[in-house]
Amino acid sequence: MAKKPKADVHEEVEENVVETEEQTSQIEEAKQKVEEYKNLYLRALADYKNLEHRINQERQKMRSSLKKEMVYSLLPVLDNLDQAEVFNQDPGLKMISASFRKSLEEMGVTEVELLGSEFNPEYAEAVEVVEGKEDNIIIDIIQKAYKLDGQVIRPGKVRVSKKS
């Protein structure tokens, strides 16, 4: 085998070094692009998760709002059942009323006990003030107050006492 002259070996080494530097440069560019695409992917994933969370919150709000509207529309029926029970002591009517109340309770509806308590405008609307022994005590309920999941959905209409 014939030996290559030193100049040829140096040129070949220099070519290899230049070629290696180019490859290193290409590898670095590729790594930067991979990092860039990775960041874009992570941002898109985070945006998607945020959107999913927002949609779930909106759905929950919509369900809650629909539930509130439905329950609010059923309260006059409950008022009518209460009035009917006063005038008619039919066991069937009592059974229907109890079943209806139970269904509303399962939905999160509770009656606010007002009679004998101090007047609170959050829970009641005073429609009449009458003479009494104490100030601001609810002495009669004209229309019951109800809460849905802890929030007042309908304040009661009441008579309030005022000391003379």
Protein backbone atom coordinates (compact mmCIF):
# COMPACT_ATOMS: atom_id res chain seq x y z
CA MET A 1 0.00 0.00 0.00
CA ALA A 2 1.15 3.37 -0.86
CA LYS A 3 1.26 5.99 1.79
CA LYS A 4 -0.64 9.21 1.25
CA PRO A 5 1.37 12.33 1.42
CA LYS A 6 1.00 14.34 4.61
CA ALA A 7 -0.71 17.19 2.76
CA ASP A 8 -3.45 14.85 1.53
CA VAL A 9 -3.94 13.46 5.04
CA HIS A 10 -4.24 16.99 6.45
CA GLU A 11 -6.73 17.95 3.75
CA GLU A 12 -8.77 14.81 4.45
CA VAL A 13 -8.73 15.49 8.20
CA GLU A 14 -9.77 19.11 7.59
CA GLU A 15 -12.59 17.94 5.30
CA ASN A 16 -13.73 15.49 8.00
CA VAL A 17 -13.60 18.23 10.63
CA VAL A 18 -15.62 20.59 8.43
CA GLU A 19 -18.08 17.80 7.64
CA THR A 20 -18.36 16.94 11.36
CA GLU A 21 -18.95 20.61 12.23
CA GLU A 22 -21.70 20.81 9.59
CA GLN A 23 -23.29 17.65 10.97
CA THR A 24 -23.04 19.01 14.52
CA SER A 25 -24.63 22.24 13.34
CA GLN A 26 -27.44 20.28 11.65
CA ILE A 27 -27.94 18.20 14.80
CA GLU A 28 -28.18 21.38 16.91
CA GLU A 29 -30.72 22.88 14.49
CA ALA A 30 -32.72 19.65 14.61
CA LYS A 31 -32.62 19.69 18.43
CA GLN A 32 -33.85 23.29 18.46
CA LYS A 33 -36.71 22.40 16.10
CA VAL A 34 -37.62 19.40 18.26
CA GLU A 35 -37.64 21.64 21.34
CA GLU A 36 -39.73 24.23 19.49
CA TYR A 37 -42.28 21.60 18.39
CA LYS A 38 -42.32 20.14 21.88
CA ASN A 39 -43.15 23.56 23.35
CA LEU A 40 -45.87 24.11 20.73
CA TYR A 41 -47.33 20.71 21.58
CA LEU A 42 -47.27 21.42 25.33
CA ARG A 43 -48.97 24.80 24.79
CA ALA A 44 -51.64 23.24 22.59
CA LEU A 45 -52.21 20.54 25.20
CA ALA A 46 -52.51 23.13 27.98
CA ASP A 47 -54.93 25.19 25.87
CA TYR A 48 -57.01 22.09 25.24
CA LYS A 49 -57.13 21.22 28.94
CA ASN A 50 -58.12 24.81 29.79
CA LEU A 51 -60.87 24.70 27.16
CA GLU A 52 -62.10 21.38 28.51
CA HIS A 53 -62.17 22.80 32.04
CA ARG A 54 -64.04 25.93 30.90
CA ILE A 55 -66.60 23.84 29.00
CA ASN A 56 -67.19 21.68 32.08
CA GLN A 57 -67.69 24.80 34.21
CA GLU A 58 -70.16 26.22 31.68
CA ARG A 59 -72.06 22.92 31.62
CA GLN A 60 -72.24 22.92 35.41
CA LYS A 61 -73.51 26.50 35.45
CA MET A 62 -76.11 25.66 32.81
CA ARG A 63 -77.30 22.60 34.75
CA SER A 64 -77.52 24.64 37.93
CA SER A 65 -79.43 27.41 36.19
CA LEU A 66 -81.87 24.98 34.58
CA LYS A 67 -82.38 23.21 37.91
CA LYS A 68 -83.08 26.53 39.62
CA GLU A 69 -85.58 27.56 36.94
CA MET A 70 -87.34 24.20 37.09
CA VAL A 71 -87.57 24.19 40.88
CA TYR A 72 -88.73 27.81 40.92
CA SER A 73 -91.53 26.93 38.48
CA LEU A 74 -92.63 24.05 40.75
CA LEU A 75 -92.90 26.12 43.94
CA PRO A 76 -96.37 27.49 43.10
CA VAL A 77 -97.56 23.88 42.77
CA LEU A 78 -96.22 23.20 46.27
CA ASP A 79 -97.99 26.33 47.55
CA ASN A 80 -101.25 25.10 46.00
CA LEU A 81 -100.82 21.67 47.60
CA ASP A 82 -100.29 23.35 50.99
CA GLN A 83 -103.46 25.40 50.55
CA ALA A 84 -105.41 22.35 49.41
CA GLU A 85 -104.31 20.43 52.51
CA VAL A 86 -105.68 23.19 54.73
CA PHE A 87 -109.16 22.80 53.23
CA ASN A 88 -109.14 19.09 52.41
CA GLN A 89 -107.85 16.44 54.82
CA ASP A 90 -107.77 13.72 52.15
CA PRO A 91 -105.08 11.06 52.82
CA GLY A 92 -104.36 10.79 49.09
CA LEU A 93 -103.64 14.50 48.89
CA LYS A 94 -101.29 14.23 51.88
CA MET A 95 -99.48 11.32 50.23
CA ILE A 96 -99.03 13.26 46.97
CA SER A 97 -97.85 16.33 48.86
CA ALA A 98 -95.34 14.29 50.88
CA SER A 99 -94.05 12.57 47.74
CA PHE A 100 -93.68 15.91 45.96
CA ARG A 101 -91.82 17.41 48.94
CA LYS A 102 -89.51 14.40 49.09
CA SER A 103 -88.68 14.76 45.39
CA LEU A 104 -87.87 18.44 45.87
CA GLU A 105 -85.73 17.67 48.94
CA GLU A 106 -83.74 15.12 46.89
CA MET A 107 -83.08 17.91 44.40
CA GLY A 108 -81.69 20.09 47.21
CA VAL A 109 -84.77 22.20 48.02
CA THR A 110 -85.33 23.12 51.65
CA GLU A 111 -87.94 25.30 53.29
CA VAL A 112 -86.65 28.26 55.29
CA GLU A 113 -88.22 28.34 58.74
CA LEU A 114 -89.29 31.94 59.32
CA LEU A 115 -92.15 31.93 61.82
CA GLY A 116 -91.07 33.45 65.15
CA SER A 117 -87.63 34.45 63.91
CA GLU A 118 -86.22 37.93 63.50
CA PHE A 119 -86.96 39.52 60.14
CA ASN A 120 -84.08 39.13 57.68
CA PRO A 121 -84.52 40.69 54.22
CA GLU A 122 -82.31 37.98 52.72
CA TYR A 123 -84.97 35.37 53.50
CA ALA A 124 -88.21 37.32 53.56
CA GLU A 125 -90.11 40.27 52.17
CA ALA A 126 -92.29 42.15 54.63
CA VAL A 127 -95.69 42.75 53.06
CA GLU A 128 -97.31 44.05 56.24
CA VAL A 129 -96.22 45.46 59.58
CA VAL A 130 -98.59 44.87 62.51
CA GLU A 131 -98.54 45.86 66.15
CA GLY A 132 -96.87 43.32 68.38
CA LYS A 133 -94.92 42.69 71.57
CA GLU A 134 -91.46 42.83 69.95
CA ASP A 135 -89.81 44.60 67.04
CA ASN A 136 -88.98 42.83 63.74
CA ILE A 137 -90.34 39.40 64.60
CA ILE A 138 -92.09 37.40 61.88
CA ILE A 139 -95.57 36.61 63.18
CA ASP A 140 -97.26 35.22 60.05
CA ILE A 141 -96.14 33.65 56.80
CA ILE A 142 -98.10 34.49 53.68
CA GLN A 143 -95.79 32.66 51.27
CA LYS A 144 -93.01 30.26 52.33
CA ALA A 145 -89.34 30.85 51.56
CA TYR A 146 -87.19 28.17 49.91
CA LYS A 147 -83.52 27.47 49.36
CA LEU A 148 -81.92 25.41 46.64
CA ASP A 149 -78.53 23.95 47.53
CA GLY A 150 -78.12 26.55 50.29
CA GLN A 151 -79.10 29.60 48.19
CA VAL A 152 -82.41 31.41 48.58
CA ILE A 153 -84.40 30.91 45.39
CA ARG A 154 -87.59 32.48 46.67
CA PRO A 155 -87.84 34.76 49.70
CA GLY A 156 -90.95 34.40 51.82
CA LYS A 157 -93.71 36.97 52.13
CA VAL A 158 -94.39 37.69 55.78
CA ARG A 159 -96.10 39.87 58.36
CA VAL A 160 -93.69 41.49 60.79
CA SER A 161 -94.41 42.83 64.27
CA LYS A 162 -93.55 46.33 65.42
CA LYS A 163 -93.60 47.44 69.04
CA SER A 164 -96.14 50.18 69.59
